[in-house]
Amino acid sequence: MTKDQILQKINEIQDPDIGIGLVDLGLVYNIDLNGKEINITMTLTTPACPLAGTFENQIKEKIPLSKNIKKIHIEWTFDPPWSKDRITEEVKERLGLLI
């Protein structure tokens, strides 16, 4: 899988409150392909968000292990903290966040 394919799969997972994909919300900071491992660095809109485990499970369902992918590791970070600035322009427009 390529980084773009991984991002597309992750973006199919939506925030349950607003129905926007995790990538479009700017929650994915980095995808690192290291041999047969995928390392994903991402964040949540708030450190108190209870959905980290849910999102992790959904990502692992969207990107199943195979002969080419032996491990998926998700690192949660809040540095830098998420902000509305990370949302794609298209989604900002749809949500009425553009002035």
PDB file of N, CA and C in Angstrom:
ATOM      1  N   MET A   1       0.842  -1.195   0.000  1.00  0.00           N
ATOM      2  CA  MET A   1       0.000   0.000   0.000  1.00  0.00           C
ATOM      3  C   MET A   1       0.879   1.247   0.000  1.00  0.00           C
ATOM      4  N   THR A   2       0.412   2.259  -0.685  1.00  0.00           N
ATOM      5  CA  THR A   2       1.116   3.537  -0.697  1.00  0.00           C
ATOM      6  C   THR A   2       0.558   4.428   0.421  1.00  0.00           C
ATOM      7  N   LYS A   3       1.274   5.507   0.708  1.00  0.00           N
ATOM      8  CA  LYS A   3       0.788   6.468   1.705  1.00  0.00           C
ATOM      9  C   LYS A   3      -0.580   7.015   1.302  1.00  0.00           C
ATOM     10  N   ASP A   4      -0.744   7.324   0.025  1.00  0.00           N
ATOM     11  CA  ASP A   4      -2.025   7.860  -0.435  1.00  0.00           C
ATOM     12  C   ASP A   4      -3.155   6.857  -0.234  1.00  0.00           C
ATOM     13  N   GLN A   5      -2.893   5.594  -0.500  1.00  0.00           N
ATOM     14  CA  GLN A   5      -3.914   4.568  -0.289  1.00  0.00           C
ATOM     15  C   GLN A   5      -4.267   4.434   1.192  1.00  0.00           C
ATOM     16  N   ILE A   6      -3.259   4.514   2.037  1.00  0.00           N
ATOM     17  CA  ILE A   6      -3.495   4.434   3.484  1.00  0.00           C
ATOM     18  C   ILE A   6      -4.317   5.631   3.947  1.00  0.00           C
ATOM     19  N   LEU A   7      -3.951   6.824   3.480  1.00  0.00           N
ATOM     20  CA  LEU A   7      -4.699   8.028   3.842  1.00  0.00           C
ATOM     21  C   LEU A   7      -6.146   7.931   3.380  1.00  0.00           C
ATOM     22  N   GLN A   8      -6.368   7.394   2.186  1.00  0.00           N
ATOM     23  CA  GLN A   8      -7.740   7.237   1.690  1.00  0.00           C
ATOM     24  C   GLN A   8      -8.535   6.302   2.592  1.00  0.00           C
ATOM     25  N   LYS A   9      -7.921   5.196   2.997  1.00  0.00           N
ATOM     26  CA  LYS A   9      -8.605   4.239   3.876  1.00  0.00           C
ATOM     27  C   LYS A   9      -8.930   4.874   5.226  1.00  0.00           C
ATOM     28  N   ILE A  10      -7.973   5.608   5.795  1.00  0.00           N
ATOM     29  CA  ILE A  10      -8.203   6.252   7.095  1.00  0.00           C
ATOM     30  C   ILE A  10      -9.279   7.316   6.973  1.00  0.00           C
ATOM     31  N   ASN A  11      -9.312   8.015   5.855  1.00  0.00           N
ATOM     32  CA  ASN A  11     -10.299   9.085   5.683  1.00  0.00           C
ATOM     33  C   ASN A  11     -11.724   8.552   5.545  1.00  0.00           C
ATOM     34  N   GLU A  12     -11.860   7.259   5.251  1.00  0.00           N
ATOM     35  CA  GLU A  12     -13.189   6.642   5.227  1.00  0.00           C
ATOM     36  C   GLU A  12     -13.800   6.564   6.631  1.00  0.00           C
ATOM     37  N   ILE A  13     -12.958   6.669   7.645  1.00  0.00           N
ATOM     38  CA  ILE A  13     -13.417   6.656   9.034  1.00  0.00           C
ATOM     39  C   ILE A  13     -13.814   8.082   9.392  1.00  0.00           C
ATOM     40  N   GLN A  14     -15.035   8.237   9.844  1.00  0.00           N
ATOM     41  CA  GLN A  14     -15.544   9.577  10.114  1.00  0.00           C
ATOM     42  C   GLN A  14     -15.693   9.847  11.602  1.00  0.00           C
ATOM     43  N   ASP A  15     -15.483  11.106  11.944  1.00  0.00           N
ATOM     44  CA  ASP A  15     -15.801  11.555  13.298  1.00  0.00           C
ATOM     45  C   ASP A  15     -17.309  11.378  13.467  1.00  0.00           C
ATOM     46  N   PRO A  16     -17.747  10.660  14.490  1.00  0.00           N
ATOM     47  CA  PRO A  16     -19.172  10.370  14.617  1.00  0.00           C
ATOM     48  C   PRO A  16     -20.044  11.594  14.894  1.00  0.00           C
ATOM     49  N   ASP A  17     -19.463  12.653  15.410  1.00  0.00           N
ATOM     50  CA  ASP A  17     -20.255  13.842  15.731  1.00  0.00           C
ATOM     51  C   ASP A  17     -20.547  14.708  14.512  1.00  0.00           C
ATOM     52  N   ILE A  18     -19.584  14.791  13.586  1.00  0.00           N
ATOM     53  CA  ILE A  18     -19.782  15.701  12.447  1.00  0.00           C
ATOM     54  C   ILE A  18     -19.701  15.017  11.089  1.00  0.00           C
ATOM     55  N   GLY A  19     -19.394  13.730  11.057  1.00  0.00           N
ATOM     56  CA  GLY A  19     -19.401  13.002   9.800  1.00  0.00           C
ATOM     57  C   GLY A  19     -18.329  13.418   8.817  1.00  0.00           C
ATOM     58  N   ILE A  20     -17.164  13.789   9.313  1.00  0.00           N
ATOM     59  CA  ILE A  20     -16.039  14.192   8.469  1.00  0.00           C
ATOM     60  C   ILE A  20     -14.911  13.185   8.677  1.00  0.00           C
ATOM     61  N   GLY A  21     -14.228  12.817   7.582  1.00  0.00           N
ATOM     62  CA  GLY A  21     -13.132  11.856   7.650  1.00  0.00           C
ATOM     63  C   GLY A  21     -11.974  12.345   8.502  1.00  0.00           C
ATOM     64  N   LEU A  22     -11.266  11.387   9.119  1.00  0.00           N
ATOM     65  CA  LEU A  22     -10.171  11.724  10.035  1.00  0.00           C
ATOM     66  C   LEU A  22      -9.035  12.487   9.355  1.00  0.00           C
ATOM     67  N   VAL A  23      -8.767  12.165   8.095  1.00  0.00           N
ATOM     68  CA  VAL A  23      -7.699  12.875   7.379  1.00  0.00           C
ATOM     69  C   VAL A  23      -8.144  14.300   7.067  1.00  0.00           C
ATOM     70  N   ASP A  24      -9.383  14.452   6.584  1.00  0.00           N
ATOM     71  CA  ASP A  24      -9.902  15.793   6.274  1.00  0.00           C
ATOM     72  C   ASP A  24      -9.963  16.683   7.510  1.00  0.00           C
ATOM     73  N   LEU A  25     -10.133  16.068   8.675  1.00  0.00           N
ATOM     74  CA  LEU A  25     -10.130  16.846   9.925  1.00  0.00           C
ATOM     75  C   LEU A  25      -8.721  17.230  10.373  1.00  0.00           C
ATOM     76  N   GLY A  26      -7.712  16.673   9.714  1.00  0.00           N
ATOM     77  CA  GLY A  26      -6.332  17.000  10.071  1.00  0.00           C
ATOM     78  C   GLY A  26      -5.820  16.216  11.256  1.00  0.00           C
ATOM     79  N   LEU A  27      -6.393  15.060  11.517  1.00  0.00           N
ATOM     80  CA  LEU A  27      -5.980  14.271  12.677  1.00  0.00           C
ATOM     81  C   LEU A  27      -4.769  13.392  12.404  1.00  0.00           C
ATOM     82  N   VAL A  28      -4.459  13.154  11.133  1.00  0.00           N
ATOM     83  CA  VAL A  28      -3.308  12.315  10.791  1.00  0.00           C
ATOM     84  C   VAL A  28      -2.115  13.218  10.516  1.00  0.00           C
ATOM     85  N   TYR A  29      -1.066  13.055  11.312  1.00  0.00           N
ATOM     86  CA  TYR A  29       0.123  13.884  11.172  1.00  0.00           C
ATOM     87  C   TYR A  29       1.167  13.266  10.250  1.00  0.00           C
ATOM     88  N   ASN A  30       1.303  11.935  10.285  1.00  0.00           N
ATOM     89  CA  ASN A  30       2.355  11.302   9.487  1.00  0.00           C
ATOM     90  C   ASN A  30       2.041   9.828   9.263  1.00  0.00           C
ATOM     91  N   ILE A  31       2.443   9.349   8.090  1.00  0.00           N
ATOM     92  CA  ILE A  31       2.397   7.929   7.759  1.00  0.00           C
ATOM     93  C   ILE A  31       3.828   7.541   7.392  1.00  0.00           C
ATOM     94  N   ASP A  32       4.365   6.545   8.074  1.00  0.00           N
ATOM     95  CA  ASP A  32       5.718   6.083   7.788  1.00  0.00           C
ATOM     96  C   ASP A  32       5.641   4.606   7.409  1.00  0.00           C
ATOM     97  N   LEU A  33       6.068   4.299   6.190  1.00  0.00           N
ATOM     98  CA  LEU A  33       6.116   2.915   5.729  1.00  0.00           C
ATOM     99  C   LEU A  33       7.535   2.407   5.948  1.00  0.00           C
ATOM    100  N   ASN A  34       7.663   1.395   6.786  1.00  0.00           N
ATOM    101  CA  ASN A  34       8.974   0.869   7.134  1.00  0.00           C
ATOM    102  C   ASN A  34       8.956  -0.636   6.902  1.00  0.00           C
ATOM    103  N   GLY A  35       9.318  -1.025   5.687  1.00  0.00           N
ATOM    104  CA  GLY A  35       9.259  -2.443   5.342  1.00  0.00           C
ATOM    105  C   GLY A  35       7.818  -2.928   5.366  1.00  0.00           C
ATOM    106  N   LYS A  36       7.527  -3.868   6.235  1.00  0.00           N
ATOM    107  CA  LYS A  36       6.176  -4.423   6.339  1.00  0.00           C
ATOM    108  C   LYS A  36       5.393  -3.811   7.496  1.00  0.00           C
ATOM    109  N   GLU A  37       5.904  -2.702   8.016  1.00  0.00           N
ATOM    110  CA  GLU A  37       5.232  -1.999   9.109  1.00  0.00           C
ATOM    111  C   GLU A  37       4.699  -0.658   8.630  1.00  0.00           C
ATOM    112  N   ILE A  38       3.542  -0.304   9.161  1.00  0.00           N
ATOM    113  CA  ILE A  38       2.966   1.017   8.932  1.00  0.00           C
ATOM    114  C   ILE A  38       2.913   1.715  10.280  1.00  0.00           C
ATOM    115  N   ASN A  39       3.560   2.850  10.364  1.00  0.00           N
ATOM    116  CA  ASN A  39       3.537   3.656  11.582  1.00  0.00           C
ATOM    117  C   ASN A  39       2.747   4.921  11.286  1.00  0.00           C
ATOM    118  N   ILE A  40       1.695   5.119  12.069  1.00  0.00           N
ATOM    119  CA  ILE A  40       0.803   6.259  11.874  1.00  0.00           C
ATOM    120  C   ILE A  40       0.901   7.149  13.095  1.00  0.00           C
ATOM    121  N   THR A  41       1.210   8.408  12.880  1.00  0.00           N
ATOM    122  CA  THR A  41       1.205   9.383  13.973  1.00  0.00           C
ATOM    123  C   THR A  41      -0.033  10.239  13.782  1.00  0.00           C
ATOM    124  N   MET A  42      -0.844  10.289  14.820  1.00  0.00           N
ATOM    125  CA  MET A  42      -2.069  11.066  14.711  1.00  0.00           C
ATOM    126  C   MET A  42      -2.466  11.621  16.065  1.00  0.00           C
ATOM    127  N   THR A  43      -3.501  12.441  16.035  1.00  0.00           N
ATOM    128  CA  THR A  43      -3.960  13.110  17.233  1.00  0.00           C
ATOM    129  C   THR A  43      -5.474  13.004  17.320  1.00  0.00           C
ATOM    130  N   LEU A  44      -6.020  13.602  18.328  1.00  0.00           N
ATOM    131  CA  LEU A  44      -7.464  13.720  18.518  1.00  0.00           C
ATOM    132  C   LEU A  44      -7.777  15.195  18.695  1.00  0.00           C
ATOM    133  N   THR A  45      -9.035  15.561  18.548  1.00  0.00           N
ATOM    134  CA  THR A  45      -9.376  16.975  18.697  1.00  0.00           C
ATOM    135  C   THR A  45      -9.148  17.461  20.122  1.00  0.00           C
ATOM    136  N   THR A  46      -9.157  16.541  21.068  1.00  0.00           N
ATOM    137  CA  THR A  46      -8.886  16.880  22.470  1.00  0.00           C
ATOM    138  C   THR A  46      -8.272  15.662  23.162  1.00  0.00           C
ATOM    139  N   PRO A  47      -7.345  15.863  24.082  1.00  0.00           N
ATOM    140  CA  PRO A  47      -6.757  14.717  24.781  1.00  0.00           C
ATOM    141  C   PRO A  47      -7.799  13.889  25.547  1.00  0.00           C
ATOM    142  N   ALA A  48      -8.921  14.478  25.902  1.00  0.00           N
ATOM    143  CA  ALA A  48      -9.945  13.767  26.658  1.00  0.00           C
ATOM    144  C   ALA A  48     -10.900  12.973  25.764  1.00  0.00           C
ATOM    145  N   CYS A  49     -10.700  13.002  24.448  1.00  0.00           N
ATOM    146  CA  CYS A  49     -11.583  12.299  23.523  1.00  0.00           C
ATOM    147  C   CYS A  49     -11.562  10.796  23.818  1.00  0.00           C
ATOM    148  N   PRO A  50     -12.727  10.198  24.009  1.00  0.00           N
ATOM    149  CA  PRO A  50     -12.776   8.772  24.339  1.00  0.00           C
ATOM    150  C   PRO A  50     -12.691   7.849  23.121  1.00  0.00           C
ATOM    151  N   LEU A  51     -12.466   8.389  21.925  1.00  0.00           N
ATOM    152  CA  LEU A  51     -12.539   7.596  20.708  1.00  0.00           C
ATOM    153  C   LEU A  51     -11.205   7.030  20.223  1.00  0.00           C
ATOM    154  N   ALA A  52     -10.128   7.228  20.949  1.00  0.00           N
ATOM    155  CA  ALA A  52      -8.818   6.752  20.487  1.00  0.00           C
ATOM    156  C   ALA A  52      -8.853   5.254  20.196  1.00  0.00           C
ATOM    157  N   GLY A  53      -9.357   4.467  21.099  1.00  0.00           N
ATOM    158  CA  GLY A  53      -9.419   3.021  20.897  1.00  0.00           C
ATOM    159  C   GLY A  53     -10.322   2.640  19.741  1.00  0.00           C
ATOM    160  N   THR A  54     -11.432   3.325  19.617  1.00  0.00           N
ATOM    161  CA  THR A  54     -12.366   3.070  18.517  1.00  0.00           C
ATOM    162  C   THR A  54     -11.702   3.380  17.177  1.00  0.00           C
ATOM    163  N   PHE A  55     -11.062   4.538  17.074  1.00  0.00           N
ATOM    164  CA  PHE A  55     -10.400   4.909  15.829  1.00  0.00           C
ATOM    165  C   PHE A  55      -9.271   3.923  15.504  1.00  0.00           C
ATOM    166  N   GLU A  56      -8.520   3.522  16.511  1.00  0.00           N
ATOM    167  CA  GLU A  56      -7.428   2.574  16.285  1.00  0.00           C
ATOM    168  C   GLU A  56      -7.966   1.255  15.730  1.00  0.00           C
ATOM    169  N   ASN A  57      -9.031   0.753  16.307  1.00  0.00           N
ATOM    170  CA  ASN A  57      -9.640  -0.490  15.816  1.00  0.00           C
ATOM    171  C   ASN A  57     -10.155  -0.328  14.389  1.00  0.00           C
ATOM    172  N   GLN A  58     -10.794   0.797  14.106  1.00  0.00           N
ATOM    173  CA  GLN A  58     -11.324   1.035  12.766  1.00  0.00           C
ATOM    174  C   GLN A  58     -10.207   1.121  11.730  1.00  0.00           C
ATOM    175  N   ILE A  59      -9.107   1.757  12.085  1.00  0.00           N
ATOM    176  CA  ILE A  59      -7.965   1.846  11.166  1.00  0.00           C
ATOM    177  C   ILE A  59      -7.429   0.451  10.870  1.00  0.00           C
ATOM    178  N   LYS A  60      -7.301  -0.364  11.892  1.00  0.00           N
ATOM    179  CA  LYS A  60      -6.778  -1.716  11.696  1.00  0.00           C
ATOM    180  C   LYS A  60      -7.752  -2.593  10.913  1.00  0.00           C
ATOM    181  N   GLU A  61      -9.034  -2.277  10.944  1.00  0.00           N
ATOM    182  CA  GLU A  61     -10.005  -2.987  10.112  1.00  0.00           C
ATOM    183  C   GLU A  61      -9.890  -2.535   8.651  1.00  0.00           C
ATOM    184  N   LYS A  62      -9.663  -1.253   8.440  1.00  0.00           N
ATOM    185  CA  LYS A  62      -9.555  -0.703   7.080  1.00  0.00           C
ATOM    186  C   LYS A  62      -8.255  -1.122   6.393  1.00  0.00           C
ATOM    187  N   ILE A  63      -7.203  -1.340   7.186  1.00  0.00           N
ATOM    188  CA  ILE A  63      -5.897  -1.710   6.651  1.00  0.00           C
ATOM    189  C   ILE A  63      -5.514  -3.047   7.300  1.00  0.00           C
ATOM    190  N   PRO A  64      -6.067  -4.131   6.807  1.00  0.00           N
ATOM    191  CA  PRO A  64      -5.814  -5.426   7.445  1.00  0.00           C
ATOM    192  C   PRO A  64      -4.376  -5.902   7.240  1.00  0.00           C
ATOM    193  N   LEU A  65      -3.920  -6.705   8.176  1.00  0.00           N
ATOM    194  CA  LEU A  65      -2.601  -7.319   8.046  1.00  0.00           C
ATOM    195  C   LEU A  65      -2.640  -8.286   6.870  1.00  0.00           C
ATOM    196  N   SER A  66      -1.499  -8.427   6.217  1.00  0.00           N
ATOM    197  CA  SER A  66      -1.394  -9.296   5.044  1.00  0.00           C
ATOM    198  C   SER A  66       0.054  -9.742   4.912  1.00  0.00           C
ATOM    199  N   LYS A  67       0.367 -10.392   3.797  1.00  0.00           N
ATOM    200  CA  LYS A  67       1.766 -10.788   3.587  1.00  0.00           C
ATOM    201  C   LYS A  67       2.662  -9.572   3.400  1.00  0.00           C
ATOM    202  N   ASN A  68       2.085  -8.442   2.991  1.00  0.00           N
ATOM    203  CA  ASN A  68       2.866  -7.214   2.788  1.00  0.00           C
ATOM    204  C   ASN A  68       2.827  -6.274   3.985  1.00  0.00           C
ATOM    205  N   ILE A  69       1.851  -6.452   4.853  1.00  0.00           N
ATOM    206  CA  ILE A  69       1.719  -5.602   6.041  1.00  0.00           C
ATOM    207  C   ILE A  69       1.640  -6.514   7.259  1.00  0.00           C
ATOM    208  N   LYS A  70       2.674  -6.496   8.067  1.00  0.00           N
ATOM    209  CA  LYS A  70       2.740  -7.377   9.235  1.00  0.00           C
ATOM    210  C   LYS A  70       2.371  -6.669  10.538  1.00  0.00           C
ATOM    211  N   LYS A  71       2.496  -5.329  10.543  1.00  0.00           N
ATOM    212  CA  LYS A  71       2.230  -4.602  11.786  1.00  0.00           C
ATOM    213  C   LYS A  71       1.758  -3.197  11.463  1.00  0.00           C
ATOM    214  N   ILE A  72       0.759  -2.740  12.225  1.00  0.00           N
ATOM    215  CA  ILE A  72       0.297  -1.355  12.159  1.00  0.00           C
ATOM    216  C   ILE A  72       0.425  -0.781  13.561  1.00  0.00           C
ATOM    217  N   HIS A  73       1.188   0.277  13.664  1.00  0.00           N
ATOM    218  CA  HIS A  73       1.375   0.933  14.964  1.00  0.00           C
ATOM    219  C   HIS A  73       0.827   2.357  14.874  1.00  0.00           C
ATOM    220  N   ILE A  74       0.013   2.715  15.842  1.00  0.00           N
ATOM    221  CA  ILE A  74      -0.535   4.067  15.887  1.00  0.00           C
ATOM    222  C   ILE A  74       0.028   4.763  17.118  1.00  0.00           C
ATOM    223  N   GLU A  75       0.682   5.884  16.872  1.00  0.00           N
ATOM    224  CA  GLU A  75       1.219   6.701  17.960  1.00  0.00           C
ATOM    225  C   GLU A  75       0.320   7.923  18.106  1.00  0.00           C
ATOM    226  N   TRP A  76      -0.224   8.089  19.287  1.00  0.00           N
ATOM    227  CA  TRP A  76      -1.073   9.246  19.585  1.00  0.00           C
ATOM    228  C   TRP A  76      -0.200  10.359  20.126  1.00  0.00           C
ATOM    229  N   THR A  77      -0.377  11.548  19.592  1.00  0.00           N
ATOM    230  CA  THR A  77       0.414  12.688  20.045  1.00  0.00           C
ATOM    231  C   THR A  77      -0.489  13.909  20.177  1.00  0.00           C
ATOM    232  N   PHE A  78      -0.082  14.816  21.013  1.00  0.00           N
ATOM    233  CA  PHE A  78      -0.787  16.093  21.152  1.00  0.00           C
ATOM    234  C   PHE A  78       0.193  17.245  21.010  1.00  0.00           C
ATOM    235  N   ASP A  79       1.290  16.943  20.313  1.00  0.00           N
ATOM    236  CA  ASP A  79       2.317  17.938  20.062  1.00  0.00           C
ATOM    237  C   ASP A  79       2.661  17.905  18.585  1.00  0.00           C
ATOM    238  N   PRO A  80       2.193  18.821  17.791  1.00  0.00           N
ATOM    239  CA  PRO A  80       1.414  19.989  18.208  1.00  0.00           C
ATOM    240  C   PRO A  80      -0.044  19.618  18.446  1.00  0.00           C
ATOM    241  N   PRO A  81      -0.704  20.393  19.282  1.00  0.00           N
ATOM    242  CA  PRO A  81      -2.122  20.126  19.516  1.00  0.00           C
ATOM    243  C   PRO A  81      -2.943  20.384  18.261  1.00  0.00           C
ATOM    244  N   TRP A  82      -4.018  19.630  18.126  1.00  0.00           N
ATOM    245  CA  TRP A  82      -4.913  19.821  16.990  1.00  0.00           C
ATOM    246  C   TRP A  82      -5.593  21.181  17.080  1.00  0.00           C
ATOM    247  N   SER A  83      -5.821  21.804  15.930  1.00  0.00           N
ATOM    248  CA  SER A  83      -6.595  23.036  15.865  1.00  0.00           C
ATOM    249  C   SER A  83      -7.411  23.017  14.580  1.00  0.00           C
ATOM    250  N   LYS A  84      -8.376  23.890  14.475  1.00  0.00           N
ATOM    251  CA  LYS A  84      -9.218  23.976  13.277  1.00  0.00           C
ATOM    252  C   LYS A  84      -8.409  24.303  12.034  1.00  0.00           C
ATOM    253  N   ASP A  85      -7.220  24.858  12.199  1.00  0.00           N
ATOM    254  CA  ASP A  85      -6.363  25.183  11.062  1.00  0.00           C
ATOM    255  C   ASP A  85      -5.935  23.940  10.281  1.00  0.00           C
ATOM    256  N   ARG A  86      -6.002  22.772  10.912  1.00  0.00           N
ATOM    257  CA  ARG A  86      -5.575  21.529  10.264  1.00  0.00           C
ATOM    258  C   ARG A  86      -6.650  20.942   9.338  1.00  0.00           C
ATOM    259  N   ILE A  87      -7.873  21.436   9.425  1.00  0.00           N
ATOM    260  CA  ILE A  87      -8.972  20.941   8.598  1.00  0.00           C
ATOM    261  C   ILE A  87      -8.737  21.372   7.156  1.00  0.00           C
ATOM    262  N   THR A  88      -9.047  20.489   6.201  1.00  0.00           N
ATOM    263  CA  THR A  88      -8.873  20.840   4.787  1.00  0.00           C
ATOM    264  C   THR A  88      -9.771  22.023   4.427  1.00  0.00           C
ATOM    265  N   GLU A  89      -9.345  22.776   3.430  1.00  0.00           N
ATOM    266  CA  GLU A  89     -10.102  23.959   2.998  1.00  0.00           C
ATOM    267  C   GLU A  89     -11.518  23.578   2.545  1.00  0.00           C
ATOM    268  N   GLU A  90     -11.630  22.467   1.844  1.00  0.00           N
ATOM    269  CA  GLU A  90     -12.947  22.016   1.369  1.00  0.00           C
ATOM    270  C   GLU A  90     -13.903  21.769   2.540  1.00  0.00           C
ATOM    271  N   VAL A  91     -13.408  21.136   3.581  1.00  0.00           N
ATOM    272  CA  VAL A  91     -14.248  20.843   4.744  1.00  0.00           C
ATOM    273  C   VAL A  91     -14.530  22.121   5.536  1.00  0.00           C
ATOM    274  N   LYS A  92     -13.553  23.010   5.620  1.00  0.00           N
ATOM    275  CA  LYS A  92     -13.797  24.295   6.295  1.00  0.00           C
ATOM    276  C   LYS A  92     -14.953  25.020   5.619  1.00  0.00           C
ATOM    277  N   GLU A  93     -14.939  25.016   4.287  1.00  0.00           N
ATOM    278  CA  GLU A  93     -16.000  25.673   3.543  1.00  0.00           C
ATOM    279  C   GLU A  93     -17.353  25.008   3.821  1.00  0.00           C
ATOM    280  N   ARG A  94     -17.364  23.691   3.797  1.00  0.00           N
ATOM    281  CA  ARG A  94     -18.596  22.936   4.037  1.00  0.00           C
ATOM    282  C   ARG A  94     -19.132  23.200   5.449  1.00  0.00           C
ATOM    283  N   LEU A  95     -18.240  23.370   6.414  1.00  0.00           N
ATOM    284  CA  LEU A  95     -18.649  23.605   7.799  1.00  0.00           C
ATOM    285  C   LEU A  95     -18.888  25.084   8.094  1.00  0.00           C
ATOM    286  N   GLY A  96     -18.635  25.937   7.111  1.00  0.00           N
ATOM    287  CA  GLY A  96     -18.836  27.366   7.312  1.00  0.00           C
ATOM    288  C   GLY A  96     -17.755  28.014   8.154  1.00  0.00           C
ATOM    289  N   LEU A  97     -16.536  27.465   8.079  1.00  0.00           N
ATOM    290  CA  LEU A  97     -15.435  28.000   8.879  1.00  0.00           C
ATOM    291  C   LEU A  97     -14.583  29.013   8.131  1.00  0.00           C
ATOM    292  N   LEU A  98     -14.852  29.191   6.834  1.00  0.00           N
ATOM    293  CA  LEU A  98     -14.096  30.186   6.059  1.00  0.00           C
ATOM    294  C   LEU A  98     -14.808  31.535   6.156  1.00  0.00           C
ATOM    295  N   ILE A  99     -14.020  32.555   6.270  1.00  0.00           N
ATOM    296  CA  ILE A  99     -14.584  33.903   6.380  1.00  0.00           C
ATOM    297  C   ILE A  99     -14.493  34.585   5.044  1.00  0.00           C
TER     298      ILE A  99
END
